[in-house]
Amino acid sequence: MTAVLTIERLTVDFSARRGTAPETRAVDALDLQLQAGEVLALVGESGSGKSVTARSVLGLLPPTATVSGSIRLGDQELAGLDDGALRQVRGARIAMVFQDPATALNPVESVGWQITEALRAHRRLSRAEAREKVIELLGLVGIEDAAARRRSYPHQFSGGQRQRIVIALALAGDPEVLIADEPTTALDVTVQAEILDLLRSLRAYTGMALLLITHNMGVVAQLADRVAVMRAGRLVEVGDVRTIFENPAEAYTRELITAVPRLPTGEDPVPAQERTDPPLAPVFTVHDLVADYPGRGGRAPQRALNGVSLSVRPGEVLGVVGESGSGKSTLGRIAAGLLRPTAGSAALFGTSMVGIRRPHLRALQRRIGVVYQDPATSLDPLRTVGDSIAEPLAVHRRGTAAERAARVRELLEAVALPASYADRLPWQLSGGQQQRVAFARALALGPDLLIADEPTSALDVSVQAGVLSLFRSLQAELGFACLFISHDLAVVNSVCDRVAVMHAGRLTEEGPAATVLRNPRSSYTRQLLASVPEPDPRARAGASVLDRQGEPA
């Protein structure tokens, strides 16, 4: 095979300010080749250098970066090119798909206009020719009724549709190489499966090479031909996908693969039967619950929950799963007292939430802890770690300043962080460390109910494994009940006692985790399970069927 992209001795250093001495080496003497038409997955933890490598190819690093080594696209040397010369390469020969389509698209311009601008940057097209090409590209990536939808704005599409549009933008210049940086991380499992299917089809249809940057080893197993593993800026090992998964040469690669949470199989031992403890009053219960969000601009209210009945018992972990828009986060908001029911009943620690007055609600909220998806946004960047952890204690007027400081040290120890971290700011910690701080803050008041809303979806696989292990040990030690909201069924399998499956605001299925995930009753649950990318190349799906015109079906 012919190498379409060759990287030799690539080294990237970062300085605190432009022109100062380097302080951080992000990539260290990296050698890598991408063959024509192949999918090469670049994997590793945050800080391994994989995204810096990808941005180096397109010259998208900040002025504080110093780059040395060689980056060749075919016979053309890219390293050292000025911005004008690189603009002739970007989009036309190499294109990039970023992780979050909401930030990659202009919110005030129609998607058709944005694709047209990308086309005109590289081709001479009449208005009519551009319009036809926009419709062709939107159809290629699976946007239905493309002729009409080209006039729509990004907010009028779902997350999966927006990612398809970003891919259409990247394809506008008919590139030889597509770089996809975490293209499915923020997506639900079924939408993720659709995007993987689309990328697989486009590779077959266009013949382009794909450099896939991801921490999702299931995605790697299902899509990649070869895998390159990075750690601390260096290439640890590279090989074909089956060799990497079945016989990795390096211990670090084995650790990455071992850390991947998995769904139960028929070969796994059957867990013990569901607990038969004496019945205890639920810590949270809803019956025929209806929740609406008010419409804007005269529009009708949006129904988020419709007739949901379930409960969380003391000491148990209930996993709530489903796609975006299923109502699972709304259920968490009801439990936290942040949203009032429209109809039906909801009770927290035996007290009705319907019509509850604020002082009584505040007393109940002292018994609740909440952990959100992204600790980088849930922690105040201007407050120290110690102040963030102590905040619930201060808000609810628990203890003296000295007692709160002692409690902060105790909580940091509980989440396996040094007490000295109390004086650090959140940006001085890794993503996994930040999420440990978020757990410490949620546990500050000794809650009887913890609400965890996608607490690990933004984390690397090995960091996620550490946070899940921490969660299991804390839950076993402290005995709190937990409403664990997630779209990752393998994660739910590893930590939850029971599972509730939500779809379009309704409860589709509920039961012990082992039962629901092994023998689901509903077709929707079976669809969710079938969409999970299995971290085993032997189980990878075949390429998508192409329609008669040669385009992805």
Protein backbone atom coordinates (compact mmCIF):
# COMPACT_ATOMS: atom_id res chain seq x y z
CA MET A 1 0.00 0.00 0.00
CA THR A 2 1.04 3.61 -0.61
CA ALA A 3 1.50 5.95 2.33
CA VAL A 4 -0.72 9.01 1.86
CA LEU A 5 0.50 10.66 5.08
CA THR A 6 3.96 10.16 6.57
CA ILE A 7 5.08 11.59 9.92
CA GLU A 8 8.77 11.33 10.86
CA ARG A 9 10.44 12.42 14.10
CA LEU A 10 7.57 14.80 14.89
CA THR A 11 8.27 16.75 18.09
CA VAL A 12 5.95 19.40 19.53
CA ASP A 13 6.91 21.61 22.47
CA PHE A 14 4.71 24.19 24.20
CA SER A 15 5.85 27.36 25.95
CA ALA A 16 3.96 29.45 28.48
CA ARG A 17 4.26 32.46 26.12
CA ARG A 18 5.35 32.84 22.53
CA GLY A 19 9.09 33.18 22.24
CA THR A 20 9.90 31.77 25.69
CA ALA A 21 11.72 28.54 26.45
CA PRO A 22 9.68 25.32 25.99
CA GLU A 23 8.02 24.02 29.13
CA THR A 24 6.02 20.99 27.95
CA ARG A 25 6.81 18.32 25.35
CA ALA A 26 3.48 17.13 23.96
CA VAL A 27 4.81 14.90 21.14
CA ASP A 28 8.24 13.29 21.23
CA ALA A 29 9.93 12.03 18.04
CA LEU A 30 6.80 10.39 16.61
CA ASP A 31 7.01 8.21 13.48
CA LEU A 32 3.70 7.22 11.88
CA GLN A 33 2.27 6.32 8.46
CA LEU A 34 -1.30 6.43 7.17
CA GLN A 35 -1.84 4.21 4.16
CA ALA A 36 -4.15 5.13 1.29
CA GLY A 37 -7.71 3.98 1.98
CA GLU A 38 -7.08 2.65 5.50
CA VAL A 39 -8.52 3.56 8.90
CA LEU A 40 -5.76 4.17 11.43
CA ALA A 41 -6.91 4.66 15.02
CA LEU A 42 -4.72 6.84 17.24
CA VAL A 43 -5.52 6.00 20.87
CA GLY A 44 -4.29 6.91 24.34
CA GLU A 45 -5.27 8.82 27.45
CA SER A 46 -5.77 12.59 27.64
CA GLY A 47 -2.36 14.22 27.39
CA SER A 48 -0.92 11.40 25.28
CA GLY A 49 -0.42 13.76 22.33
CA LYS A 50 -2.92 12.27 19.87
CA SER A 51 -4.94 15.45 19.25
CA VAL A 52 -1.77 17.57 19.14
CA THR A 53 -0.45 15.21 16.46
CA ALA A 54 -3.61 15.63 14.38
CA ARG A 55 -3.58 19.43 14.68
CA SER A 56 0.11 19.49 13.76
CA VAL A 57 -0.75 17.93 10.39
CA LEU A 58 -3.05 20.85 9.53
CA GLY A 59 -0.94 23.55 11.18
CA LEU A 60 -3.68 24.31 13.73
CA LEU A 61 -1.45 24.60 16.81
CA PRO A 62 -1.25 27.88 18.79
CA PRO A 63 1.71 30.29 18.47
CA THR A 64 3.18 28.91 21.71
CA ALA A 65 3.90 25.58 19.96
CA THR A 66 7.27 24.72 18.43
CA VAL A 67 7.15 21.95 15.81
CA SER A 68 10.06 20.00 14.35
CA GLY A 69 10.28 16.90 12.18
CA SER A 70 8.60 16.00 8.90
CA ILE A 71 4.91 15.75 7.91
CA ARG A 72 4.42 14.69 4.28
CA LEU A 73 1.15 14.44 2.38
CA GLY A 74 2.21 12.24 -0.51
CA ASP A 75 5.32 14.04 -1.75
CA GLN A 76 4.39 17.45 -0.30
CA GLU A 77 6.13 18.56 2.89
CA LEU A 78 3.63 20.26 5.24
CA ALA A 79 5.92 21.05 8.16
CA GLY A 80 7.08 24.64 7.93
CA LEU A 81 4.51 25.75 5.35
CA ASP A 82 3.11 29.23 5.85
CA ASP A 83 -0.58 29.73 6.56
CA GLY A 84 -1.38 30.66 2.98
CA ALA A 85 0.09 27.43 1.63
CA LEU A 86 -1.62 25.38 4.34
CA ARG A 87 -4.99 26.87 3.42
CA GLN A 88 -4.59 25.25 0.01
CA VAL A 89 -4.27 21.88 1.76
CA ARG A 90 -6.91 22.25 4.48
CA GLY A 91 -10.27 21.03 3.27
CA ALA A 92 -9.02 20.30 -0.23
CA ARG A 93 -6.60 17.45 0.53
CA ILE A 94 -6.96 16.95 4.30
CA ALA A 95 -10.15 17.69 6.25
CA MET A 96 -11.00 17.41 9.93
CA VAL A 97 -14.11 16.44 11.88
CA PHE A 98 -14.13 17.75 15.44
CA GLN A 99 -15.72 16.23 18.54
CA ASP A 100 -18.52 18.73 19.17
CA PRO A 101 -20.57 19.61 16.08
CA ALA A 102 -22.39 22.34 18.03
CA THR A 103 -19.18 24.38 18.17
CA ALA A 104 -17.98 23.41 14.68
CA LEU A 105 -21.08 24.88 12.99
CA ASN A 106 -22.06 28.55 12.78
CA PRO A 107 -25.36 28.89 14.67
CA VAL A 108 -26.59 31.93 12.68
CA GLU A 109 -26.10 30.56 9.16
CA SER A 110 -28.01 27.79 7.39
CA VAL A 111 -26.15 24.52 6.93
CA GLY A 112 -26.48 24.89 3.15
CA TRP A 113 -24.75 28.28 3.25
CA GLN A 114 -21.91 26.85 5.35
CA ILE A 115 -21.31 23.93 2.99
CA THR A 116 -21.50 26.31 0.00
CA GLU A 117 -18.75 28.46 1.54
CA ALA A 118 -16.58 25.36 1.97
CA LEU A 119 -17.18 24.40 -1.68
CA ARG A 120 -16.37 27.88 -3.00
CA ALA A 121 -13.15 27.97 -0.99
CA HIS A 122 -11.76 25.17 -3.18
CA ARG A 123 -13.81 25.13 -6.42
CA ARG A 124 -15.21 27.53 -9.02
CA LEU A 125 -18.92 26.76 -9.00
CA SER A 126 -21.98 28.63 -10.16
CA ARG A 127 -24.79 29.20 -7.68
CA ALA A 128 -26.83 26.38 -9.24
CA GLU A 129 -23.86 23.99 -9.26
CA ALA A 130 -23.11 24.78 -5.61
CA ARG A 131 -26.75 24.19 -4.65
CA GLU A 132 -26.76 20.78 -6.36
CA LYS A 133 -23.47 19.81 -4.72
CA VAL A 134 -24.78 20.81 -1.27
CA ILE A 135 -27.85 18.60 -1.81
CA GLU A 136 -25.61 15.77 -3.00
CA LEU A 137 -23.34 16.01 0.05
CA LEU A 138 -26.22 16.19 2.54
CA GLY A 139 -27.79 13.16 0.87
CA LEU A 140 -24.45 11.36 0.94
CA VAL A 141 -24.26 11.66 4.74
CA GLY A 142 -27.87 10.56 5.20
CA ILE A 143 -29.79 13.82 5.72
CA GLU A 144 -33.31 13.15 4.46
CA ASP A 145 -35.09 15.71 2.24
CA ALA A 146 -31.74 17.41 1.67
CA ALA A 147 -33.12 19.96 -0.80
CA ALA A 148 -35.36 21.44 1.88
CA ARG A 149 -33.17 20.82 4.95
CA ARG A 150 -30.22 22.76 3.45
CA ARG A 151 -32.07 25.92 4.46
CA SER A 152 -32.29 24.83 8.10
CA TYR A 153 -30.04 26.06 10.90
CA PRO A 154 -27.85 23.84 13.13
CA HIS A 155 -30.19 24.07 16.12
CA GLN A 156 -32.97 22.53 14.01
CA PHE A 157 -31.06 19.24 13.75
CA SER A 158 -30.37 16.52 16.32
CA GLY A 159 -26.84 15.92 17.62
CA GLY A 160 -26.31 12.99 15.27
CA GLN A 161 -27.59 14.98 12.29
CA ARG A 162 -25.26 17.86 13.16
CA GLN A 163 -22.32 15.46 13.19
CA ARG A 164 -23.39 14.21 9.75
CA ILE A 165 -23.46 17.81 8.52
CA VAL A 166 -19.95 18.41 9.87
CA ILE A 167 -18.82 15.33 7.94
CA ALA A 168 -20.51 16.73 4.81
CA LEU A 169 -18.56 19.97 5.33
CA ALA A 170 -15.33 17.98 5.58
CA LEU A 171 -16.13 16.11 2.36
CA ALA A 172 -16.81 19.29 0.39
CA GLY A 173 -13.22 19.46 -0.87
CA ASP A 174 -13.07 15.74 -1.74
CA PRO A 175 -10.09 15.18 0.61
CA GLU A 176 -7.58 12.34 0.42
CA VAL A 177 -7.36 12.20 4.23
CA LEU A 178 -10.10 12.72 6.82
CA ILE A 179 -9.02 13.30 10.42
CA ALA A 180 -11.83 12.52 12.88
CA ASP A 181 -11.08 13.72 16.43
CA GLU A 182 -13.40 11.91 18.88
CA PRO A 183 -16.31 12.06 16.38
CA THR A 184 -18.70 9.93 18.47
CA THR A 185 -17.80 10.71 22.10
CA ALA A 186 -20.74 13.04 22.79
CA LEU A 187 -23.32 10.87 21.00
CA ASP A 188 -25.85 8.33 22.22
CA VAL A 189 -25.06 4.71 21.54
CA THR A 190 -27.57 4.34 18.69
CA VAL A 191 -26.47 7.60 17.05
CA GLN A 192 -22.84 6.56 17.54
CA ALA A 193 -23.59 3.34 15.67
CA GLU A 194 -25.09 5.36 12.81
CA ILE A 195 -22.02 7.61 12.55
CA LEU A 196 -19.68 4.60 12.59
CA ASP A 197 -21.78 3.02 9.85
CA LEU A 198 -21.59 6.26 7.87
CA LEU A 199 -17.78 6.53 8.21
CA ARG A 200 -17.43 2.90 7.17
CA SER A 201 -19.59 3.50 4.09
CA LEU A 202 -17.84 6.73 3.13
CA ARG A 203 -14.43 5.06 3.31
CA ALA A 204 -15.69 2.35 0.92
CA TYR A 205 -17.39 4.89 -1.38
CA THR A 206 -14.71 7.60 -1.58
CA GLY A 207 -11.53 5.60 -0.94
CA MET A 208 -10.25 8.25 1.48
CA ALA A 209 -7.90 7.42 4.33
CA LEU A 210 -9.19 8.04 7.86
CA LEU A 211 -7.12 8.99 10.90
CA LEU A 212 -9.45 8.25 13.81
CA ILE A 213 -8.61 9.77 17.19
CA THR A 214 -10.60 8.23 20.03
CA HIS A 215 -10.49 6.80 23.54
CA ASN A 216 -13.40 4.45 22.82
CA MET A 217 -11.84 1.04 22.26
CA GLY A 218 -15.17 -0.39 21.08
CA VAL A 219 -15.18 2.15 18.23
CA VAL A 220 -11.57 1.21 17.43
CA ALA A 221 -12.39 -2.50 17.29
CA GLN A 222 -15.35 -1.94 14.98
CA LEU A 223 -13.79 0.53 12.52
CA ALA A 224 -9.99 0.52 12.47
CA ASP A 225 -7.63 -1.47 10.26
CA ARG A 226 -4.56 -0.56 12.32
CA VAL A 227 -4.05 0.95 15.77
CA ALA A 228 -1.32 3.27 17.04
CA VAL A 229 -1.09 3.62 20.82
CA MET A 230 0.37 6.81 22.32
CA ARG A 231 1.40 7.62 25.87
CA ALA A 232 3.01 10.84 27.16
CA GLY A 233 3.79 11.99 23.62
CA ARG A 234 5.48 8.79 22.50
CA LEU A 235 4.37 5.95 20.26
CA VAL A 236 4.01 2.88 22.48
CA GLU A 237 3.07 0.36 19.81
CA VAL A 238 1.42 0.06 16.42
CA GLY A 239 -0.15 -2.94 14.68
CA ASP A 240 -3.19 -4.35 12.97
CA VAL A 241 -6.37 -4.15 15.01
CA ARG A 242 -6.69 -7.87 15.81
CA THR A 243 -3.08 -8.14 16.98
CA ILE A 244 -3.44 -5.09 19.22
CA PHE A 245 -6.61 -6.44 20.85
CA GLU A 246 -5.69 -10.13 21.05
CA ASN A 247 -1.94 -10.02 21.60
CA PRO A 248 -0.73 -6.55 22.62
CA ALA A 249 3.03 -6.33 23.08
CA GLU A 250 3.08 -3.53 25.67
CA ALA A 251 1.69 -3.50 29.21
CA TYR A 252 0.13 -0.07 28.70
CA THR A 253 -1.89 -1.31 25.73
CA ARG A 254 -3.08 -4.27 27.80
CA GLU A 255 -4.15 -1.86 30.55
CA LEU A 256 -6.20 0.20 28.07
CA ILE A 257 -8.00 -2.86 26.72
CA THR A 258 -8.57 -4.38 30.17
CA ALA A 259 -10.09 -1.12 31.42
CA VAL A 260 -12.92 -1.20 28.84
CA PRO A 261 -16.29 -1.92 30.53
CA ARG A 262 -18.19 -4.73 28.84
CA LEU A 263 -21.74 -5.97 28.56
CA PRO A 264 -22.58 -9.34 30.14
CA THR A 265 -22.25 -12.42 27.93
CA GLY A 266 -23.50 -15.96 28.20
CA GLU A 267 -20.03 -16.99 29.40
CA ASP A 268 -20.09 -14.62 32.38
CA PRO A 269 -21.13 -16.06 35.76
CA VAL A 270 -24.72 -15.27 36.62
CA PRO A 271 -24.83 -12.80 39.54
CA ALA A 272 -26.59 -13.64 42.75
CA GLN A 273 -30.33 -13.12 42.83
CA GLU A 274 -31.66 -9.68 43.59
CA ARG A 275 -31.48 -8.80 47.27
CA THR A 276 -34.35 -9.87 49.46
CA ASP A 277 -33.77 -7.36 52.26
CA PRO A 278 -36.81 -6.37 54.34
CA PRO A 279 -38.80 -3.77 52.40
CA LEU A 280 -37.72 -0.22 53.20
CA ALA A 281 -39.36 3.04 52.24
CA PRO A 282 -37.91 4.31 48.93
CA VAL A 283 -35.63 7.32 49.06
CA PHE A 284 -37.15 8.52 45.78
CA THR A 285 -40.33 7.40 44.06
CA VAL A 286 -42.53 8.63 41.21
CA HIS A 287 -45.94 7.42 40.07
CA ASP A 288 -47.58 8.32 36.75
CA LEU A 289 -45.13 11.22 36.61
CA VAL A 290 -45.60 13.86 33.91
CA ALA A 291 -43.10 16.68 33.40
CA ASP A 292 -43.37 19.47 30.82
CA TYR A 293 -40.98 22.23 29.84
CA PRO A 294 -42.78 25.48 29.00
CA GLY A 295 -42.92 26.45 25.33
CA ARG A 296 -41.42 29.69 24.11
CA GLY A 297 -42.86 32.24 21.74
CA GLY A 298 -46.38 30.91 22.08
CA ARG A 299 -45.38 27.33 21.40
CA ALA A 300 -46.96 24.41 23.22
CA PRO A 301 -45.12 22.95 26.24
CA GLN A 302 -42.64 20.14 25.53
CA ARG A 303 -43.43 16.89 27.33
CA ALA A 304 -40.26 15.35 28.74
CA LEU A 305 -41.76 12.63 30.99
CA ASN A 306 -45.05 10.86 30.35
CA GLY A 307 -46.57 8.51 32.94
CA VAL A 308 -43.32 7.26 34.54
CA SER A 309 -43.47 5.10 37.68
CA LEU A 310 -40.34 3.84 39.48
CA SER A 311 -38.50 4.02 42.78
CA VAL A 312 -35.00 4.00 44.23
CA ARG A 313 -34.55 1.98 47.39
CA PRO A 314 -32.08 2.74 50.19
CA GLY A 315 -28.56 1.59 49.34
CA GLU A 316 -29.25 0.55 45.75
CA VAL A 317 -27.90 1.92 42.47
CA LEU A 318 -30.58 2.38 39.83
CA GLY A 319 -29.24 2.91 36.32
CA VAL A 320 -31.40 5.08 34.05
CA VAL A 321 -30.51 4.63 30.39
CA GLY A 322 -31.80 5.86 27.05
CA GLU A 323 -31.03 8.20 24.18
CA SER A 324 -30.94 11.99 24.33
CA GLY A 325 -34.48 13.26 24.74
CA SER A 326 -35.60 10.10 26.53
CA GLY A 327 -36.24 12.01 29.76
CA LYS A 328 -33.52 10.50 31.93
CA SER A 329 -31.86 13.80 32.88
CA THR A 330 -35.30 15.34 33.50
CA LEU A 331 -35.95 12.53 35.97
CA GLY A 332 -32.70 13.48 37.71
CA ARG A 333 -33.82 17.14 37.87
CA ILE A 334 -37.09 16.05 39.49
CA ALA A 335 -35.17 14.00 42.06
CA ALA A 336 -32.88 16.96 42.84
CA GLY A 337 -35.84 19.30 43.33
CA LEU A 338 -34.80 21.44 40.36
CA LEU A 339 -38.01 20.79 38.42
CA ARG A 340 -41.57 20.41 39.67
CA PRO A 341 -43.88 17.67 38.33
CA THR A 342 -46.63 18.75 35.93
CA ALA A 343 -48.86 15.83 36.95
CA GLY A 344 -48.63 12.58 38.86
CA SER A 345 -46.67 12.20 42.07
CA ALA A 346 -43.05 12.38 43.15
CA ALA A 347 -41.75 11.86 46.67
CA LEU A 348 -38.29 12.35 48.13
CA PHE A 349 -37.57 10.57 51.43
CA GLY A 350 -41.31 10.06 51.84
CA THR A 351 -42.18 13.76 51.35
CA SER A 352 -44.30 14.76 48.36
CA MET A 353 -42.55 17.07 45.88
CA VAL A 354 -45.87 18.33 44.55
CA GLY A 355 -46.48 21.83 45.89
CA ILE A 356 -43.60 21.61 48.38
CA ARG A 357 -42.50 24.94 49.85
CA ARG A 358 -38.93 26.12 49.45
CA PRO A 359 -37.80 25.78 53.11
CA HIS A 360 -39.00 22.16 53.19
CA LEU A 361 -37.37 21.46 49.80
CA ARG A 362 -34.11 22.95 51.02
CA ALA A 363 -34.14 20.60 54.01
CA LEU A 364 -34.58 17.60 51.68
CA GLN A 365 -31.81 18.81 49.37
CA ARG A 366 -29.34 18.58 52.24
CA ARG A 367 -29.69 14.81 51.89
CA ILE A 368 -28.83 14.82 48.15
CA GLY A 369 -25.52 14.96 46.30
CA VAL A 370 -25.18 15.60 42.56
CA VAL A 371 -22.33 14.72 40.17
CA TYR A 372 -22.51 16.14 36.65
CA GLN A 373 -21.03 14.95 33.36
CA ASP A 374 -18.25 17.49 32.85
CA PRO A 375 -16.28 18.49 35.94
CA ALA A 376 -14.52 21.22 33.97
CA THR A 377 -17.80 23.13 33.78
CA SER A 378 -19.33 22.09 37.11
CA LEU A 379 -16.31 23.27 39.15
CA ASP A 380 -15.73 27.03 39.48
CA PRO A 381 -12.37 27.69 37.75
CA LEU A 382 -11.64 30.62 40.09
CA ARG A 383 -12.22 28.71 43.34
CA THR A 384 -9.76 26.28 44.88
CA VAL A 385 -10.56 22.61 45.12
CA GLY A 386 -10.98 22.97 48.88
CA ASP A 387 -13.47 25.82 48.50
CA SER A 388 -15.48 23.85 45.92
CA ILE A 389 -15.71 20.79 48.18
CA ALA A 390 -16.63 22.92 51.19
CA GLU A 391 -19.31 24.86 49.31
CA PRO A 392 -22.26 22.57 50.28
CA LEU A 393 -21.14 22.73 53.90
CA ALA A 394 -21.04 26.53 53.79
CA VAL A 395 -24.38 26.86 51.96
CA HIS A 396 -26.12 24.66 54.54
CA ARG A 397 -24.14 26.19 57.42
CA ARG A 398 -22.51 23.00 58.59
CA GLY A 399 -19.61 23.36 61.06
CA THR A 400 -17.02 26.02 61.72
CA ALA A 401 -14.35 27.02 59.19
CA ALA A 402 -11.88 24.67 60.88
CA GLU A 403 -14.36 21.80 60.87
CA ARG A 404 -15.11 22.36 57.20
CA ALA A 405 -11.39 22.34 56.38
CA ALA A 406 -11.01 19.04 58.25
CA ARG A 407 -13.98 17.62 56.35
CA VAL A 408 -12.37 18.67 53.04
CA ARG A 409 -9.18 16.78 53.95
CA GLU A 410 -11.25 13.74 54.90
CA LEU A 411 -13.17 13.82 51.60
CA LEU A 412 -10.02 14.23 49.52
CA GLU A 413 -8.60 11.16 51.23
CA ALA A 414 -11.84 9.27 50.53
CA VAL A 415 -11.53 9.96 46.78
CA ALA A 416 -7.82 9.05 46.78
CA LEU A 417 -6.41 12.55 46.33
CA PRO A 418 -3.71 14.20 48.49
CA ALA A 419 -4.90 16.75 51.05
CA SER A 420 -2.53 19.28 49.43
CA TYR A 421 -4.84 19.37 46.39
CA ALA A 422 -7.22 21.52 48.45
CA ASP A 423 -5.11 24.55 47.51
CA ARG A 424 -5.10 23.83 43.77
CA LEU A 425 -7.40 25.26 41.12
CA PRO A 426 -9.43 22.86 38.93
CA TRP A 427 -7.38 23.51 35.78
CA GLN A 428 -4.30 22.24 37.59
CA LEU A 429 -5.87 18.76 37.81
CA SER A 430 -6.48 16.11 35.16
CA GLY A 431 -10.02 15.28 34.03
CA GLY A 432 -10.15 12.19 36.23
CA GLN A 433 -8.88 14.13 39.24
CA GLN A 434 -11.49 16.83 38.63
CA GLN A 435 -14.25 14.22 38.61
CA ARG A 436 -12.93 12.82 41.90
CA VAL A 437 -13.24 16.34 43.33
CA ALA A 438 -16.82 16.47 42.01
CA PHE A 439 -17.59 13.23 43.85
CA ALA A 440 -15.99 14.61 47.03
CA ARG A 441 -18.17 17.72 46.84
CA ALA A 442 -21.30 15.63 46.22
CA LEU A 443 -20.52 13.54 49.30
CA ALA A 444 -19.72 16.52 51.56
CA LEU A 445 -23.06 16.43 53.39
CA GLY A 446 -23.17 12.64 53.70
CA PRO A 447 -26.11 12.24 51.28
CA ASP A 448 -28.66 9.47 51.37
CA LEU A 449 -29.18 9.85 47.60
CA LEU A 450 -26.53 10.56 44.99
CA ILE A 451 -27.64 11.70 41.52
CA ALA A 452 -24.89 10.96 38.99
CA ASP A 453 -25.69 12.37 35.52
CA GLU A 454 -23.29 10.87 32.92
CA PRO A 455 -20.40 11.05 35.43
CA THR A 456 -17.86 9.17 33.29
CA SER A 457 -18.83 9.76 29.64
CA ALA A 458 -16.26 12.56 29.17
CA LEU A 459 -13.37 10.49 30.58
CA ASP A 460 -10.72 8.32 28.94
CA VAL A 461 -11.24 4.59 29.29
CA SER A 462 -8.53 4.03 31.90
CA VAL A 463 -9.54 7.14 33.88
CA GLN A 464 -13.18 6.02 33.63
CA ALA A 465 -12.21 2.64 35.08
CA GLY A 466 -10.56 4.35 38.05
CA VAL A 467 -13.56 6.61 38.69
CA LEU A 468 -15.99 3.66 38.47
CA SER A 469 -13.83 1.67 40.89
CA LEU A 470 -13.87 4.66 43.25
CA PHE A 471 -17.66 4.93 42.93
CA ARG A 472 -18.15 1.23 43.75
CA SER A 473 -15.93 1.41 46.82
CA LEU A 474 -17.55 4.62 48.11
CA GLN A 475 -21.04 3.25 47.59
CA ALA A 476 -20.19 0.01 49.37
CA GLU A 477 -18.61 1.90 52.28
CA LEU A 478 -21.15 4.71 52.69
CA GLY A 479 -24.30 2.89 51.57
CA PHE A 480 -25.94 5.80 49.74
CA ALA A 481 -28.63 5.16 47.14
CA CYS A 482 -27.84 6.38 43.64
CA LEU A 483 -29.74 7.42 40.53
CA PHE A 484 -27.05 6.67 37.91
CA ILE A 485 -27.94 8.31 34.59
CA SER A 486 -25.99 7.14 31.55
CA HIS A 487 -26.19 6.19 27.89
CA ASP A 488 -23.30 3.71 28.30
CA LEU A 489 -24.86 0.32 28.96
CA ALA A 490 -21.51 -1.33 29.68
CA VAL A 491 -20.81 1.22 32.44
CA VAL A 492 -24.31 0.66 33.86
CA ASN A 493 -23.65 -3.08 33.86
CA SER A 494 -20.52 -2.57 35.96
CA VAL A 495 -22.07 -0.47 38.76
CA CYS A 496 -25.87 -0.78 38.87
CA ASP A 497 -28.19 -3.13 40.76
CA ARG A 498 -31.26 -2.36 38.64
CA VAL A 499 -31.83 -0.72 35.27
CA ALA A 500 -34.67 1.49 34.01
CA VAL A 501 -34.79 2.00 30.23
CA MET A 502 -36.34 5.27 29.03
CA HIS A 503 -37.57 6.12 25.54
CA ALA A 504 -39.37 9.28 24.41
CA GLY A 505 -40.33 10.18 27.98
CA ARG A 506 -41.74 6.77 28.88
CA LEU A 507 -40.41 3.87 30.93
CA THR A 508 -39.84 1.04 28.46
CA GLU A 509 -38.41 -1.62 30.73
CA GLU A 510 -37.18 -2.03 34.31
CA GLY A 511 -35.60 -4.82 36.31
CA PRO A 512 -32.39 -6.27 37.78
CA ALA A 513 -29.38 -5.23 35.70
CA ALA A 514 -28.36 -8.81 34.95
CA THR A 515 -31.85 -9.63 33.67
CA VAL A 516 -32.41 -6.50 31.55
CA LEU A 517 -28.95 -6.55 29.97
CA ARG A 518 -28.90 -10.32 29.33
CA ASN A 519 -32.52 -10.98 28.38
CA PRO A 520 -34.25 -7.69 27.50
CA ARG A 521 -38.02 -7.83 26.98
CA SER A 522 -38.49 -4.72 24.85
CA SER A 523 -37.33 -4.29 21.27
CA TYR A 524 -36.00 -0.83 22.13
CA THR A 525 -33.67 -2.26 24.81
CA ARG A 526 -32.49 -4.88 22.33
CA GLN A 527 -31.80 -2.08 19.84
CA LEU A 528 -29.71 -0.19 22.42
CA LEU A 529 -27.71 -3.31 23.26
CA ALA A 530 -27.13 -4.14 19.59
CA SER A 531 -25.79 -0.61 18.99
CA VAL A 532 -23.00 -0.86 21.59
CA PRO A 533 -19.66 -1.18 19.75
CA GLU A 534 -18.11 -4.36 21.07
CA PRO A 535 -14.39 -4.06 21.95
CA ASP A 536 -13.58 -7.16 19.90
CA PRO A 537 -12.50 -6.94 16.23
CA ARG A 538 -13.84 -10.46 15.61
CA ALA A 539 -17.37 -9.15 16.23
CA ARG A 540 -17.12 -6.16 13.92
CA ALA A 541 -20.01 -5.45 11.59
CA GLY A 542 -19.63 -5.74 7.84
CA ALA A 543 -19.40 -2.67 5.67
CA SER A 544 -22.66 -0.88 4.99
CA VAL A 545 -24.59 -1.84 1.91
CA LEU A 546 -24.25 0.71 -0.91
CA ASP A 547 -27.28 1.65 -2.86
CA ARG A 548 -27.56 1.25 -6.61
CA GLN A 549 -26.15 4.71 -7.30
CA GLY A 550 -23.02 3.77 -5.37
CA GLU A 551 -23.84 6.03 -2.43
CA PRO A 552 -24.16 4.94 1.20
CA ALA A 553 -27.60 3.55 1.95
